Amino acid sequence: MTEKMFNIGKIINTHGIRGEVKVHRITDFEERFVVGEMVYLAKEDGIPLKLIIDGHRLHKGFDLIHFEGYNNINDVEHFKGSELQITEDQQKELDEHEYYYHEIIGCEVHTTSGDKLGVIKEILSPGANDVWVVKQEKGKDLLIPYIEEVVKEIEVEAKKIVIEPLEGLLD
């Protein structure tokens, strides 16, 4: 299978003895983990393992997921540390001005005056809007709120983002 795969979460541990796994979610779409959805487990040999979700609940900020046919901790113990993925076909159509995390992470950030600030390394979702974490070549990471007043241009193909920093944003 040479289809392009996208990470939607990482299995960080098992939970209990009945085959549940604890997942750190890296997708905006809650419906990724509803019962009946199909996901793939990335494996070292490069052949993804197809899994059907038959149980899901939230617990202390993590997704607890149970897969059809994996009913014992021993069945899922070796999943620890693995990425959960979906195929390109499973991606949702996005509205204008909506982007996938993988399209934004790795973009260079420039100011409207032409200064290069750094590269987006992570996206945080603390509340009303996402916050982009920009790794500078020197100095500490910058936190850029993804709001209209700040983000002026997003060129996904060119991996370039132009921002208009608010007062104090770059301090």
Protein backbone atom coordinates (compact mmCIF):
# COMPACT_ATOMS: atom_id res chain seq x y z
CA MET A 1 0.00 0.00 0.00
CA THR A 2 1.70 3.21 -1.14
CA GLU A 3 -1.13 5.49 -0.11
CA LYS A 4 -0.14 8.61 1.80
CA MET A 5 -0.91 8.26 5.52
CA PHE A 6 -1.54 10.99 8.09
CA ASN A 7 -1.01 10.81 11.85
CA ILE A 8 -4.09 11.45 13.99
CA GLY A 9 -2.78 10.29 17.35
CA LYS A 10 -0.14 8.36 19.23
CA ILE A 11 -0.73 5.38 21.51
CA ILE A 12 1.06 6.30 24.72
CA ASN A 13 0.00 3.42 26.93
CA THR A 14 -2.41 0.60 27.61
CA HIS A 15 -5.31 1.22 29.99
CA GLY A 16 -6.71 -1.52 32.19
CA ILE A 17 -6.58 -5.19 31.21
CA ARG A 18 -9.32 -5.41 28.58
CA GLY A 19 -7.38 -4.06 25.60
CA GLU A 20 -8.01 -0.33 25.87
CA VAL A 21 -5.24 2.01 24.78
CA LYS A 22 -4.56 5.58 25.85
CA VAL A 23 -4.16 7.91 22.87
CA HIS A 24 -2.70 11.39 22.66
CA ARG A 25 -4.84 12.99 19.95
CA ILE A 26 -3.28 15.16 17.23
CA THR A 27 -6.38 15.78 15.15
CA ASP A 28 -9.02 18.47 15.31
CA PHE A 29 -11.75 16.03 14.31
CA GLU A 30 -13.35 14.30 17.28
CA GLU A 31 -15.25 11.99 14.93
CA ARG A 32 -11.95 10.26 14.03
CA PHE A 33 -12.36 8.08 17.11
CA VAL A 34 -16.06 7.24 17.08
CA VAL A 35 -17.16 3.63 17.18
CA GLY A 36 -17.08 2.06 13.73
CA GLU A 37 -14.27 4.27 12.38
CA MET A 38 -11.27 2.58 10.80
CA VAL A 39 -7.74 3.67 11.64
CA TYR A 40 -4.31 2.25 10.85
CA LEU A 41 -1.47 1.45 13.22
CA ALA A 42 1.90 2.45 11.76
CA LYS A 43 4.31 -0.46 12.09
CA GLU A 44 8.09 -0.73 11.65
CA ASP A 45 7.73 -3.02 8.63
CA GLY A 46 5.85 -0.26 6.85
CA ILE A 47 2.66 -2.30 6.47
CA PRO A 48 -0.08 -0.51 8.42
CA LEU A 49 -2.37 -2.63 10.58
CA LYS A 50 -6.05 -1.92 9.96
CA LEU A 51 -8.06 -1.47 13.18
CA ILE A 52 -11.78 -0.88 13.75
CA ILE A 53 -12.71 1.21 16.77
CA ASP A 54 -15.43 -0.46 18.86
CA GLY A 55 -15.06 1.58 22.04
CA HIS A 56 -14.14 5.19 22.80
CA ARG A 57 -14.27 7.46 25.84
CA LEU A 58 -12.44 10.49 27.14
CA HIS A 59 -10.40 10.18 30.33
CA LYS A 60 -8.21 12.93 31.88
CA GLY A 61 -7.68 14.68 28.55
CA PHE A 62 -6.83 11.54 26.61
CA ASP A 63 -8.83 9.33 24.29
CA LEU A 64 -9.28 5.77 25.52
CA ILE A 65 -9.88 3.53 22.55
CA HIS A 66 -10.76 -0.12 22.18
CA PHE A 67 -10.25 -1.98 18.91
CA GLU A 68 -12.49 -4.76 17.59
CA GLY A 69 -10.92 -8.16 18.31
CA TYR A 70 -8.28 -6.88 20.76
CA ASN A 71 -9.80 -7.75 24.11
CA ASN A 72 -6.77 -8.26 26.31
CA ILE A 73 -3.90 -6.07 27.47
CA ASN A 74 -1.48 -8.59 25.91
CA ASP A 75 -3.06 -7.99 22.46
CA VAL A 76 -2.31 -4.26 22.57
CA GLU A 77 0.83 -4.03 24.75
CA HIS A 78 3.06 -3.89 21.64
CA PHE A 79 1.01 -0.96 20.20
CA LYS A 80 2.62 1.41 22.76
CA GLY A 81 4.52 4.25 21.09
CA SER A 82 2.88 3.65 17.71
CA GLU A 83 1.17 6.32 15.62
CA LEU A 84 -2.47 5.97 14.63
CA GLN A 85 -3.06 7.05 11.07
CA ILE A 86 -5.70 7.53 8.41
CA THR A 87 -5.41 7.41 4.63
CA GLU A 88 -5.58 10.47 2.40
CA ASP A 89 -9.05 9.30 1.27
CA GLN A 90 -10.29 9.46 4.86
CA GLN A 91 -9.40 13.12 5.20
CA LYS A 92 -12.32 15.50 5.46
CA GLU A 93 -12.92 18.30 2.97
CA LEU A 94 -11.95 21.53 4.65
CA ASP A 95 -13.58 24.92 4.32
CA GLU A 96 -11.67 27.93 3.07
CA HIS A 97 -9.14 29.17 5.66
CA GLU A 98 -9.04 25.74 7.33
CA TYR A 99 -5.85 23.70 7.21
CA TYR A 100 -4.60 20.34 8.37
CA TYR A 101 -1.93 20.40 11.06
CA HIS A 102 0.53 18.68 8.71
CA GLU A 103 0.10 21.53 6.21
CA ILE A 104 1.00 24.18 8.81
CA ILE A 105 3.75 22.41 10.78
CA GLY A 106 7.07 23.00 9.02
CA CYS A 107 6.00 26.31 7.44
CA GLU A 108 8.40 29.25 7.65
CA VAL A 109 6.95 32.28 9.39
CA HIS A 110 7.76 35.79 8.15
CA THR A 111 6.52 39.20 9.26
CA THR A 112 4.77 41.57 6.87
CA SER A 113 7.99 43.61 6.93
CA GLY A 114 9.93 40.61 5.60
CA ASP A 115 11.74 39.32 8.71
CA LYS A 116 12.00 35.54 9.02
CA LEU A 117 10.91 34.48 12.51
CA GLY A 118 11.35 30.71 12.33
CA VAL A 119 9.49 27.49 11.56
CA ILE A 120 6.24 26.19 13.04
CA LYS A 121 7.05 23.10 15.08
CA GLU A 122 3.79 22.44 16.91
CA ILE A 123 0.15 23.49 17.16
CA LEU A 124 -1.59 23.94 20.50
CA SER A 125 -5.38 23.98 20.90
CA PRO A 126 -5.91 25.66 24.25
CA GLY A 127 -9.36 27.07 23.57
CA ALA A 128 -11.01 29.54 21.24
CA ASN A 129 -8.24 29.51 18.63
CA ASP A 130 -5.16 27.45 17.85
CA VAL A 131 -1.73 28.72 18.83
CA TRP A 132 1.22 28.05 16.56
CA VAL A 133 4.58 27.38 18.22
CA VAL A 134 7.39 28.90 16.16
CA LYS A 135 10.94 27.67 16.72
CA GLN A 136 13.35 30.54 16.22
CA GLU A 137 16.95 30.00 15.15
CA LYS A 138 17.99 31.77 18.36
CA GLY A 139 15.97 32.52 21.44
CA LYS A 140 12.83 31.00 22.87
CA ASP A 141 9.84 29.71 20.95
CA LEU A 142 7.24 32.22 19.83
CA LEU A 143 3.52 31.63 20.33
CA ILE A 144 1.45 32.93 17.43
CA PRO A 145 -2.36 32.96 17.80
CA TYR A 146 -4.13 31.75 14.64
CA ILE A 147 -6.45 34.76 14.30
CA GLU A 148 -7.23 37.06 11.36
CA GLU A 149 -5.58 40.10 12.97
CA VAL A 150 -2.24 38.26 13.06
CA VAL A 151 -2.08 35.66 10.28
CA LYS A 152 -2.19 37.50 6.95
CA GLU A 153 -1.12 34.89 4.37
CA ILE A 154 -0.82 31.12 4.30
CA GLU A 155 0.89 29.57 1.30
CA VAL A 156 0.72 25.82 1.94
CA GLU A 157 2.54 24.90 -1.29
CA ALA A 158 5.42 27.28 -0.57
CA LYS A 159 5.41 26.33 3.16
CA LYS A 160 5.31 30.04 4.00
CA ILE A 161 3.18 32.05 6.41
CA VAL A 162 3.12 35.83 6.76
CA ILE A 163 2.03 37.43 10.01
CA GLU A 164 1.41 40.95 11.29
CA PRO A 165 2.68 40.74 14.89
CA LEU A 166 0.48 42.37 17.51
CA GLU A 167 2.12 44.71 20.02
CA GLY A 168 4.26 42.62 22.38
CA LEU A 169 3.88 39.36 20.43
CA LEU A 170 7.56 39.02 19.60
CA ASP A 171 8.92 40.17 22.97
